[in-house]
Structure formats: C-alpha cells, structure tokens
Amino acid sequence: MTFTEALPPVVVTRPADKASELISSVAELGFEVRHHPLIEIRRFEDDDSAASRACRQKILDIDHYDAVIAISQNAAEAGFSWMDAYWPQMPVGLRWYAVGPTTAAVYREYGVDMEMPVDRYDSEGVLALPSLQQVEGEKILIWRGVGGRETLASVLRERGARVEYAELYERRQIEWAEAGWDKTLQGAPVLLLSSGQALDIAQQQIPDIATRVSTIIVPSERVATYARQHGCTDVVVAASARNEDTLHSLRARFAAGR
C-alpha cells in the first residue's frame, strides 16, 4: 500500500498489557509509534476485601440471573477468570451478551455462545437487540469496571428488568507530566483512542490537545461525537475497537487516492 502524504507519528493510548500487538502492526505500516497509556486496569483479587467479596457473591449467584452482559473485553476477561474459579461447568439457561467483537472474542475462547450487536458496538447497540426488548421481571447482571455509563442499566430497568452490577476491576488514570505529553505530541500525531474516558483523561491533562493532534481515531460514533464536541475536527470512526478495525481506519485515512 502506498500513502499520499508524509506519515505523522501515531500515538497508541491503550494499557500496557493491551498495546503490544497494535503497536507492532502500526509500525509495520511505516508509522513511527509512540505508546502513551492513559488508563491502568486493575482487577480485584480473590481476597477478603469488600470489592472482592461483592464480586465473588455475584459470581456464586450467577445461576440466579436470566442474562449476563459484559460491557468490554476487560469485563469479559475478568468475569470468566472468576467463573473459572467457582464454576467447573458453565451454568445452563443463561443468555450471554457482548458489547462488541473484542468482547465476543473472549466468550469464544471460553466456548460460550452469546449475542452481540450487528453494527453498533456500545450500550445503545446492545439495547437494540431483539432479545432485550421484552425483559420485564428478568434479572440481569452487568459485568463492568467500577463506574462508567449508566445508560444500559437505566434503559433495561425502564423495560422492567432487575439489573445488578458485578464490578470486576477499576480503571486508574495515569498521570503524565507536561514534558511527557510534549514529547508524545511532537509532530501533530494521530491519536488512537479506545473510549470516551480516554479522551476525557487526555483533555484533562492537556486542554488544547484537539489542536495538537492531526487526527483522532475512535471506536464508535458516540465517542466521535464527543470528540467533535470538544474541538476535534479530523475524527475517524473505526468499525470497532478491534486491532484490525483500527488498522483499517488508519490505512484508509492515509492511503493513496484518499
């Protein structure tokens, strides 16, 4: 593939344990890659802390639910790690849902059938699934990290479901000094973001970041709208947060004949 313009640097903002494959793939396209993680994911250990006790109880009681929804790859990985510890066999009768392809890939690793949105990989996409329209009286468990959007639970409750959370991990913001940002943002790079929270963190630390990057690539139209509202002008929406979709958007943005 040939490119029609000089290639800018590319900034990968994923956590350290999720970034290596993407960094290698971007570098193979000929870009200079800078890793600048914005969030650290810390799973709750299986110990006697209050957070762990809450997780453990939700997992032990999982056969009391009608459906389980994992809202991210991190949530699915953490949830199935707990399931491995307490359920030698997966309980029967549960409906499983994934918010998008990266989450669905974790289900497949564990041999669990699930449903996921066809083309919108966020809470709104999950809420549009036919099997979640009539949920009155159902008990639904959402796997997620501490905090986050409430749209999914709120709408399901409006539809008559009883919704609970299993909060399996916490996200910790990584604090970068101004000098670190200055080095990362040299040359007006392309910024790869995986969530609205990542954009929030970047803007909190560098309020004028929209003017210091050339392009932002995001995983959903919701995050793209959020980015545009905060002054970003060249925003590219990838089909999902998967590496292949991010790479496809990056190639398309700079490919010959654009």
C-alpha atoms as a PDB file:
ATOM      1  CA  MET A   1       0.000   0.000   0.000  1.00  0.00           C
ATOM      2  CA  THR A   2       1.233   3.498  -0.830  1.00  0.00           C
ATOM      3  CA  PHE A   3       0.412   6.669   1.051  1.00  0.00           C
ATOM      4  CA  THR A   4      -0.288  10.087  -0.435  1.00  0.00           C
ATOM      5  CA  GLU A   5       1.140  12.214   2.343  1.00  0.00           C
ATOM      6  CA  ALA A   6       4.051  12.179   4.759  1.00  0.00           C
ATOM      7  CA  LEU A   7       3.142   9.874   7.599  1.00  0.00           C
ATOM      8  CA  PRO A   8       2.655  11.509  11.004  1.00  0.00           C
ATOM      9  CA  PRO A   9       3.572   9.722  14.230  1.00  0.00           C
ATOM     10  CA  VAL A  10       0.860   7.529  15.754  1.00  0.00           C
ATOM     11  CA  VAL A  11       0.093   7.545  19.487  1.00  0.00           C
ATOM     12  CA  VAL A  12      -1.303   4.324  20.968  1.00  0.00           C
ATOM     13  CA  THR A  13      -3.058   5.015  24.280  1.00  0.00           C
ATOM     14  CA  ARG A  14      -4.110   1.526  25.311  1.00  0.00           C
ATOM     15  CA  PRO A  15      -2.988  -0.001  28.625  1.00  0.00           C
ATOM     16  CA  ALA A  16       0.426  -1.630  28.552  1.00  0.00           C
ATOM     17  CA  ASP A  17      -0.907  -5.206  28.535  1.00  0.00           C
ATOM     18  CA  LYS A  18      -3.256  -4.496  25.598  1.00  0.00           C
ATOM     19  CA  ALA A  19      -0.990  -2.478  23.322  1.00  0.00           C
ATOM     20  CA  SER A  20       1.884  -4.599  22.005  1.00  0.00           C
ATOM     21  CA  GLU A  21       0.123  -6.213  19.040  1.00  0.00           C
ATOM     22  CA  LEU A  22      -1.348  -2.915  17.862  1.00  0.00           C
ATOM     23  CA  ILE A  23       1.987  -1.122  18.251  1.00  0.00           C
ATOM     24  CA  SER A  24       3.730  -3.760  16.138  1.00  0.00           C
ATOM     25  CA  SER A  25       1.044  -3.671  13.437  1.00  0.00           C
ATOM     26  CA  VAL A  26       1.090   0.127  13.181  1.00  0.00           C
ATOM     27  CA  ALA A  27       4.880   0.125  12.945  1.00  0.00           C
ATOM     28  CA  GLU A  28       4.688  -2.421  10.116  1.00  0.00           C
ATOM     29  CA  LEU A  29       2.663   0.117   8.124  1.00  0.00           C
ATOM     30  CA  GLY A  30       5.606   2.512   8.280  1.00  0.00           C
ATOM     31  CA  PHE A  31       4.457   4.848  11.058  1.00  0.00           C
ATOM     32  CA  GLU A  32       6.542   5.977  13.994  1.00  0.00           C
ATOM     33  CA  VAL A  33       4.658   4.669  17.025  1.00  0.00           C
ATOM     34  CA  ARG A  34       4.575   6.235  20.481  1.00  0.00           C
ATOM     35  CA  HIS A  35       2.989   4.397  23.400  1.00  0.00           C
ATOM     36  CA  HIS A  36       1.269   6.730  25.840  1.00  0.00           C
ATOM     37  CA  PRO A  37      -1.147   4.692  28.015  1.00  0.00           C
ATOM     38  CA  LEU A  38      -3.849   6.723  29.722  1.00  0.00           C
ATOM     39  CA  ILE A  39      -5.534   4.079  31.879  1.00  0.00           C
ATOM     40  CA  GLU A  40      -4.299   1.220  34.033  1.00  0.00           C
ATOM     41  CA  ILE A  41      -6.713  -1.692  34.516  1.00  0.00           C
ATOM     42  CA  ARG A  42      -6.529  -3.345  37.925  1.00  0.00           C
ATOM     43  CA  ARG A  43      -8.644  -6.436  38.510  1.00  0.00           C
ATOM     44  CA  PHE A  44      -9.891  -7.170  42.001  1.00  0.00           C
ATOM     45  CA  GLU A  45      -8.064 -10.101  43.560  1.00  0.00           C
ATOM     46  CA  ASP A  46      -9.948 -13.009  45.082  1.00  0.00           C
ATOM     47  CA  ASP A  47      -9.316 -11.955  48.664  1.00  0.00           C
ATOM     48  CA  ASP A  48     -11.289 -10.695  51.664  1.00  0.00           C
ATOM     49  CA  SER A  49     -11.654  -7.077  50.537  1.00  0.00           C
ATOM     50  CA  ALA A  50     -15.141  -5.634  50.232  1.00  0.00           C
ATOM     51  CA  ALA A  51     -14.830  -5.317  46.442  1.00  0.00           C
ATOM     52  CA  SER A  52     -13.715  -8.934  46.109  1.00  0.00           C
ATOM     53  CA  ARG A  53     -16.466 -10.233  48.362  1.00  0.00           C
ATOM     54  CA  ALA A  54     -19.037  -8.405  46.249  1.00  0.00           C
ATOM     55  CA  CYS A  55     -17.591  -9.873  43.016  1.00  0.00           C
ATOM     56  CA  ARG A  56     -17.425 -13.363  44.471  1.00  0.00           C
ATOM     57  CA  GLN A  57     -21.045 -13.318  45.620  1.00  0.00           C
ATOM     58  CA  LYS A  58     -22.304 -12.181  42.217  1.00  0.00           C
ATOM     59  CA  ILE A  59     -20.356 -14.990  40.532  1.00  0.00           C
ATOM     60  CA  LEU A  60     -21.558 -17.623  43.009  1.00  0.00           C
ATOM     61  CA  ASP A  61     -25.152 -16.492  42.407  1.00  0.00           C
ATOM     62  CA  ILE A  62     -24.846 -16.220  38.634  1.00  0.00           C
ATOM     63  CA  ASP A  63     -27.309 -19.053  38.004  1.00  0.00           C
ATOM     64  CA  HIS A  64     -29.988 -16.864  39.636  1.00  0.00           C
ATOM     65  CA  TYR A  65     -29.837 -14.453  36.688  1.00  0.00           C
ATOM     66  CA  ASP A  66     -31.532 -14.627  33.301  1.00  0.00           C
ATOM     67  CA  ALA A  67     -28.790 -12.825  31.377  1.00  0.00           C
ATOM     68  CA  VAL A  68     -25.218 -11.574  31.733  1.00  0.00           C
ATOM     69  CA  ILE A  69     -23.840  -8.633  29.739  1.00  0.00           C
ATOM     70  CA  ALA A  70     -20.097  -7.953  29.543  1.00  0.00           C
ATOM     71  CA  ILE A  71     -19.543  -4.329  28.563  1.00  0.00           C
ATOM     72  CA  SER A  72     -15.910  -4.661  27.480  1.00  0.00           C
ATOM     73  CA  GLN A  73     -13.077  -7.058  26.752  1.00  0.00           C
ATOM     74  CA  ASN A  74     -11.665  -6.302  30.211  1.00  0.00           C
ATOM     75  CA  ALA A  75     -15.004  -7.119  31.820  1.00  0.00           C
ATOM     76  CA  ALA A  76     -15.299 -10.418  29.948  1.00  0.00           C
ATOM     77  CA  GLU A  77     -11.735 -11.461  30.768  1.00  0.00           C
ATOM     78  CA  ALA A  78     -12.144 -10.634  34.449  1.00  0.00           C
ATOM     79  CA  GLY A  79     -15.592 -12.227  34.638  1.00  0.00           C
ATOM     80  CA  PHE A  80     -14.543 -15.515  33.093  1.00  0.00           C
ATOM     81  CA  SER A  81     -11.483 -15.623  35.330  1.00  0.00           C
ATOM     82  CA  TRP A  82     -13.864 -15.591  38.290  1.00  0.00           C
ATOM     83  CA  MET A  83     -16.088 -18.171  36.573  1.00  0.00           C
ATOM     84  CA  ASP A  84     -13.084 -20.479  36.157  1.00  0.00           C
ATOM     85  CA  ALA A  85     -12.503 -20.323  39.891  1.00  0.00           C
ATOM     86  CA  TYR A  86     -16.056 -21.083  41.002  1.00  0.00           C
ATOM     87  CA  TRP A  87     -17.902 -22.820  38.148  1.00  0.00           C
ATOM     88  CA  PRO A  88     -16.253 -26.009  36.813  1.00  0.00           C
ATOM     89  CA  GLN A  89     -19.042 -26.037  34.207  1.00  0.00           C
ATOM     90  CA  MET A  90     -20.924 -23.052  32.846  1.00  0.00           C
ATOM     91  CA  PRO A  91     -24.440 -22.755  34.296  1.00  0.00           C
ATOM     92  CA  VAL A  92     -27.258 -23.603  31.898  1.00  0.00           C
ATOM     93  CA  GLY A  93     -30.134 -21.343  30.939  1.00  0.00           C
ATOM     94  CA  LEU A  94     -28.240 -18.058  30.933  1.00  0.00           C
ATOM     95  CA  ARG A  95     -28.288 -15.692  27.973  1.00  0.00           C
ATOM     96  CA  TRP A  96     -24.910 -14.067  27.386  1.00  0.00           C
ATOM     97  CA  TYR A  97     -24.277 -10.736  25.667  1.00  0.00           C
ATOM     98  CA  ALA A  98     -21.155  -8.988  24.421  1.00  0.00           C
ATOM     99  CA  VAL A  99     -20.996  -5.310  23.565  1.00  0.00           C
ATOM    100  CA  GLY A 100     -18.765  -5.823  20.518  1.00  0.00           C
ATOM    101  CA  PRO A 101     -16.275  -8.031  18.675  1.00  0.00           C
ATOM    102  CA  THR A 102     -13.355  -7.726  21.099  1.00  0.00           C
ATOM    103  CA  THR A 103     -15.638  -8.736  23.963  1.00  0.00           C
ATOM    104  CA  ALA A 104     -17.198 -11.519  21.896  1.00  0.00           C
ATOM    105  CA  ALA A 105     -13.735 -12.963  21.190  1.00  0.00           C
ATOM    106  CA  VAL A 106     -13.305 -13.630  24.922  1.00  0.00           C
ATOM    107  CA  TYR A 107     -16.616 -15.517  25.031  1.00  0.00           C
ATOM    108  CA  ARG A 108     -15.448 -17.687  22.148  1.00  0.00           C
ATOM    109  CA  GLU A 109     -12.228 -18.510  23.973  1.00  0.00           C
ATOM    110  CA  TYR A 110     -14.364 -19.970  26.747  1.00  0.00           C
ATOM    111  CA  GLY A 111     -16.754 -21.727  24.368  1.00  0.00           C
ATOM    112  CA  VAL A 112     -19.731 -19.611  25.442  1.00  0.00           C
ATOM    113  CA  ASP A 113     -22.419 -18.710  22.914  1.00  0.00           C
ATOM    114  CA  MET A 114     -23.516 -15.092  23.084  1.00  0.00           C
ATOM    115  CA  GLU A 115     -25.337 -12.330  21.258  1.00  0.00           C
ATOM    116  CA  MET A 116     -23.798  -9.048  20.193  1.00  0.00           C
ATOM    117  CA  PRO A 117     -24.890  -6.011  18.167  1.00  0.00           C
ATOM    118  CA  VAL A 118     -24.566  -6.186  14.411  1.00  0.00           C
ATOM    119  CA  ASP A 119     -23.093  -2.783  13.654  1.00  0.00           C
ATOM    120  CA  ARG A 120     -23.143  -0.528  16.711  1.00  0.00           C
ATOM    121  CA  TYR A 121     -20.780  -1.688  19.427  1.00  0.00           C
ATOM    122  CA  ASP A 122     -21.905   0.177  22.514  1.00  0.00           C
ATOM    123  CA  SER A 123     -24.710   0.191  25.090  1.00  0.00           C
ATOM    124  CA  GLU A 124     -27.183   1.515  22.535  1.00  0.00           C
ATOM    125  CA  GLY A 125     -26.299  -1.336  20.195  1.00  0.00           C
ATOM    126  CA  VAL A 126     -26.896  -3.911  22.932  1.00  0.00           C
ATOM    127  CA  LEU A 127     -30.190  -2.278  23.857  1.00  0.00           C
ATOM    128  CA  ALA A 128     -31.367  -2.606  20.240  1.00  0.00           C
ATOM    129  CA  LEU A 129     -31.062  -6.410  20.273  1.00  0.00           C
ATOM    130  CA  PRO A 130     -34.497  -8.055  19.839  1.00  0.00           C
ATOM    131  CA  SER A 131     -34.000 -10.429  22.796  1.00  0.00           C
ATOM    132  CA  LEU A 132     -33.612  -7.485  25.197  1.00  0.00           C
ATOM    133  CA  GLN A 133     -36.803  -5.667  24.244  1.00  0.00           C
ATOM    134  CA  GLN A 134     -39.167  -7.636  26.493  1.00  0.00           C
ATOM    135  CA  VAL A 135     -37.321  -8.176  29.755  1.00  0.00           C
ATOM    136  CA  GLU A 136     -39.950  -7.347  32.360  1.00  0.00           C
ATOM    137  CA  GLY A 137     -39.320  -9.372  35.504  1.00  0.00           C
ATOM    138  CA  GLU A 138     -35.941 -10.646  34.307  1.00  0.00           C
ATOM    139  CA  LYS A 139     -32.833 -10.439  36.442  1.00  0.00           C
ATOM    140  CA  ILE A 140     -29.794  -9.183  34.503  1.00  0.00           C
ATOM    141  CA  LEU A 141     -26.172  -8.966  35.632  1.00  0.00           C
ATOM    142  CA  ILE A 142     -23.785  -6.488  34.006  1.00  0.00           C
ATOM    143  CA  TRP A 143     -20.059  -7.204  34.172  1.00  0.00           C
ATOM    144  CA  ARG A 144     -18.105  -3.958  34.197  1.00  0.00           C
ATOM    145  CA  GLY A 145     -15.446  -1.914  35.944  1.00  0.00           C
ATOM    146  CA  VAL A 146     -16.150   0.491  38.782  1.00  0.00           C
ATOM    147  CA  GLY A 147     -18.198   3.425  37.496  1.00  0.00           C
ATOM    148  CA  GLY A 148     -18.968   4.086  33.871  1.00  0.00           C
ATOM    149  CA  ARG A 149     -22.052   4.888  31.827  1.00  0.00           C
ATOM    150  CA  GLU A 150     -25.459   4.079  33.305  1.00  0.00           C
ATOM    151  CA  THR A 151     -27.406   4.014  30.023  1.00  0.00           C
ATOM    152  CA  LEU A 152     -27.544   0.231  29.708  1.00  0.00           C
ATOM    153  CA  ALA A 153     -28.839  -0.424  33.212  1.00  0.00           C
ATOM    154  CA  SER A 154     -31.215   2.557  33.173  1.00  0.00           C
ATOM    155  CA  VAL A 155     -32.971   1.528  29.973  1.00  0.00           C
ATOM    156  CA  LEU A 156     -33.211  -2.132  30.978  1.00  0.00           C
ATOM    157  CA  ARG A 157     -34.777  -1.057  34.276  1.00  0.00           C
ATOM    158  CA  GLU A 158     -37.244   1.111  32.364  1.00  0.00           C
ATOM    159  CA  ARG A 159     -38.175  -2.044  30.459  1.00  0.00           C
ATOM    160  CA  GLY A 160     -38.926  -3.799  33.733  1.00  0.00           C
ATOM    161  CA  ALA A 161     -35.738  -5.753  34.383  1.00  0.00           C
ATOM    162  CA  ARG A 162     -33.938  -6.004  37.692  1.00  0.00           C
ATOM    163  CA  VAL A 163     -30.350  -5.036  36.938  1.00  0.00           C
ATOM    164  CA  GLU A 164     -27.289  -5.522  39.109  1.00  0.00           C
ATOM    165  CA  TYR A 165     -23.584  -4.922  38.562  1.00  0.00           C
ATOM    166  CA  ALA A 166     -20.572  -7.123  39.128  1.00  0.00           C
ATOM    167  CA  GLU A 167     -17.790  -4.538  39.259  1.00  0.00           C
ATOM    168  CA  LEU A 168     -14.740  -6.648  38.486  1.00  0.00           C
ATOM    169  CA  TYR A 169     -11.935  -4.116  38.097  1.00  0.00           C
ATOM    170  CA  GLU A 170     -11.066  -0.480  38.425  1.00  0.00           C
ATOM    171  CA  ARG A 171      -9.567   1.937  35.945  1.00  0.00           C
ATOM    172  CA  ARG A 172      -6.802   4.162  37.237  1.00  0.00           C
ATOM    173  CA  GLN A 173      -5.865   7.284  35.367  1.00  0.00           C
ATOM    174  CA  ILE A 174      -2.184   7.530  34.514  1.00  0.00           C
ATOM    175  CA  GLU A 175      -0.837  10.976  35.324  1.00  0.00           C
ATOM    176  CA  TRP A 176       1.600  12.307  32.739  1.00  0.00           C
ATOM    177  CA  ALA A 177       3.787  15.324  33.312  1.00  0.00           C
ATOM    178  CA  GLU A 178       3.654  18.119  30.761  1.00  0.00           C
ATOM    179  CA  ALA A 179       7.114  17.181  29.480  1.00  0.00           C
ATOM    180  CA  GLY A 180       5.911  13.667  28.728  1.00  0.00           C
ATOM    181  CA  TRP A 181       2.944  14.986  26.768  1.00  0.00           C
ATOM    182  CA  ASP A 182       5.143  17.453  24.889  1.00  0.00           C
ATOM    183  CA  LYS A 183       7.356  14.613  23.707  1.00  0.00           C
ATOM    184  CA  THR A 184       4.373  12.462  22.713  1.00  0.00           C
ATOM    185  CA  LEU A 185       2.620  15.237  20.810  1.00  0.00           C
ATOM    186  CA  GLN A 186       5.581  16.405  18.759  1.00  0.00           C
ATOM    187  CA  GLY A 187       4.804  16.475  15.049  1.00  0.00           C
ATOM    188  CA  ALA A 188       0.983  16.622  15.359  1.00  0.00           C
ATOM    189  CA  PRO A 189       0.456  12.857  15.659  1.00  0.00           C
ATOM    190  CA  VAL A 190      -2.542  10.637  15.016  1.00  0.00           C
ATOM    191  CA  LEU A 191      -4.153   9.782  18.354  1.00  0.00           C
ATOM    192  CA  LEU A 192      -5.729   6.329  18.756  1.00  0.00           C
ATOM    193  CA  LEU A 193      -8.386   6.316  21.478  1.00  0.00           C
ATOM    194  CA  SER A 194     -10.457   3.377  22.688  1.00  0.00           C
ATOM    195  CA  SER A 195     -13.068   5.172  24.808  1.00  0.00           C
ATOM    196  CA  GLY A 196     -14.629   8.455  25.801  1.00  0.00           C
ATOM    197  CA  GLN A 197     -12.895   8.122  29.152  1.00  0.00           C
ATOM    198  CA  ALA A 198      -9.514   8.088  27.415  1.00  0.00           C
ATOM    199  CA  LEU A 199     -10.437  11.331  25.658  1.00  0.00           C
ATOM    200  CA  ASP A 200     -11.528  12.830  28.987  1.00  0.00           C
ATOM    201  CA  ILE A 201      -8.175  11.988  30.554  1.00  0.00           C
ATOM    202  CA  ALA A 202      -6.220  13.413  27.630  1.00  0.00           C
ATOM    203  CA  GLN A 203      -8.184  16.660  27.713  1.00  0.00           C
ATOM    204  CA  GLN A 204      -7.941  16.995  31.479  1.00  0.00           C
ATOM    205  CA  GLN A 205      -4.164  16.782  31.272  1.00  0.00           C
ATOM    206  CA  ILE A 206      -3.746  18.732  28.004  1.00  0.00           C
ATOM    207  CA  PRO A 207      -6.773  21.035  27.493  1.00  0.00           C
ATOM    208  CA  ASP A 208      -5.674  22.055  23.980  1.00  0.00           C
ATOM    209  CA  ILE A 209      -4.997  18.528  22.762  1.00  0.00           C
ATOM    210  CA  ALA A 210      -7.512  18.915  19.906  1.00  0.00           C
ATOM    211  CA  THR A 211      -5.177  21.475  18.321  1.00  0.00           C
ATOM    212  CA  ARG A 212      -2.041  19.414  18.885  1.00  0.00           C
ATOM    213  CA  VAL A 213      -3.023  16.238  17.047  1.00  0.00           C
ATOM    214  CA  SER A 214      -3.743  15.856  13.355  1.00  0.00           C
ATOM    215  CA  THR A 215      -6.316  13.057  13.516  1.00  0.00           C
ATOM    216  CA  ILE A 216      -8.159  11.098  16.179  1.00  0.00           C
ATOM    217  CA  ILE A 217      -9.330   7.532  15.531  1.00  0.00           C
ATOM    218  CA  VAL A 218     -12.100   6.314  17.825  1.00  0.00           C
ATOM    219  CA  PRO A 219     -14.113   3.058  18.087  1.00  0.00           C
ATOM    220  CA  SER A 220     -17.670   4.367  17.878  1.00  0.00           C
ATOM    221  CA  GLU A 221     -19.813   7.208  16.620  1.00  0.00           C
ATOM    222  CA  ARG A 222     -20.702   8.091  20.202  1.00  0.00           C
ATOM    223  CA  VAL A 223     -17.061   8.740  21.052  1.00  0.00           C
ATOM    224  CA  ALA A 224     -16.590  10.562  17.730  1.00  0.00           C
ATOM    225  CA  THR A 225     -19.469  12.912  18.528  1.00  0.00           C
ATOM    226  CA  TYR A 226     -17.957  13.525  21.948  1.00  0.00           C
ATOM    227  CA  ALA A 227     -14.568  14.277  20.366  1.00  0.00           C
ATOM    228  CA  ARG A 228     -16.077  16.751  17.882  1.00  0.00           C
ATOM    229  CA  GLN A 229     -17.941  18.498  20.697  1.00  0.00           C
ATOM    230  CA  HIS A 230     -14.556  19.037  22.348  1.00  0.00           C
ATOM    231  CA  GLY A 231     -12.975  20.689  19.326  1.00  0.00           C
ATOM    232  CA  CYS A 232     -11.519  17.763  17.391  1.00  0.00           C
ATOM    233  CA  THR A 233     -12.010  18.307  13.658  1.00  0.00           C
ATOM    234  CA  ASP A 234     -10.420  15.317  11.890  1.00  0.00           C
ATOM    235  CA  VAL A 235     -12.142  12.384  13.595  1.00  0.00           C
ATOM    236  CA  VAL A 236     -12.186   8.913  12.039  1.00  0.00           C
ATOM    237  CA  VAL A 237     -14.635   6.283  13.304  1.00  0.00           C
ATOM    238  CA  ALA A 238     -13.364   2.695  13.243  1.00  0.00           C
ATOM    239  CA  ALA A 239     -15.852  -0.160  12.981  1.00  0.00           C
ATOM    240  CA  SER A 240     -14.904  -1.310  16.488  1.00  0.00           C
ATOM    241  CA  ALA A 241     -12.065  -1.262  18.997  1.00  0.00           C
ATOM    242  CA  ARG A 242     -10.508  -4.373  17.448  1.00  0.00           C
ATOM    243  CA  ASN A 243      -6.950  -4.017  16.218  1.00  0.00           C
ATOM    244  CA  GLU A 244      -7.925  -4.925  12.659  1.00  0.00           C
ATOM    245  CA  ASP A 245     -10.618  -2.252  12.539  1.00  0.00           C
ATOM    246  CA  THR A 246      -8.305   0.388  13.979  1.00  0.00           C
ATOM    247  CA  LEU A 247      -5.630  -0.535  11.433  1.00  0.00           C
ATOM    248  CA  HIS A 248      -8.131  -0.498   8.585  1.00  0.00           C
ATOM    249  CA  SER A 249      -9.185   3.044   9.517  1.00  0.00           C
ATOM    250  CA  LEU A 250      -5.573   4.158   9.799  1.00  0.00           C
ATOM    251  CA  ARG A 251      -4.700   2.726   6.375  1.00  0.00           C
ATOM    252  CA  ALA A 252      -7.801   4.208   4.788  1.00  0.00           C
ATOM    253  CA  ARG A 253      -7.087   7.638   6.232  1.00  0.00           C
ATOM    254  CA  PHE A 254      -3.644   7.828   4.651  1.00  0.00           C
ATOM    255  CA  ALA A 255      -3.972   5.522   1.634  1.00  0.00           C
ATOM    256  CA  ALA A 256      -3.272   6.569  -1.939  1.00  0.00           C
ATOM    257  CA  GLY A 257      -6.276   8.105  -3.641  1.00  0.00           C
ATOM    258  CA  ARG A 258      -7.871   9.351  -0.414  1.00  0.00           C
END
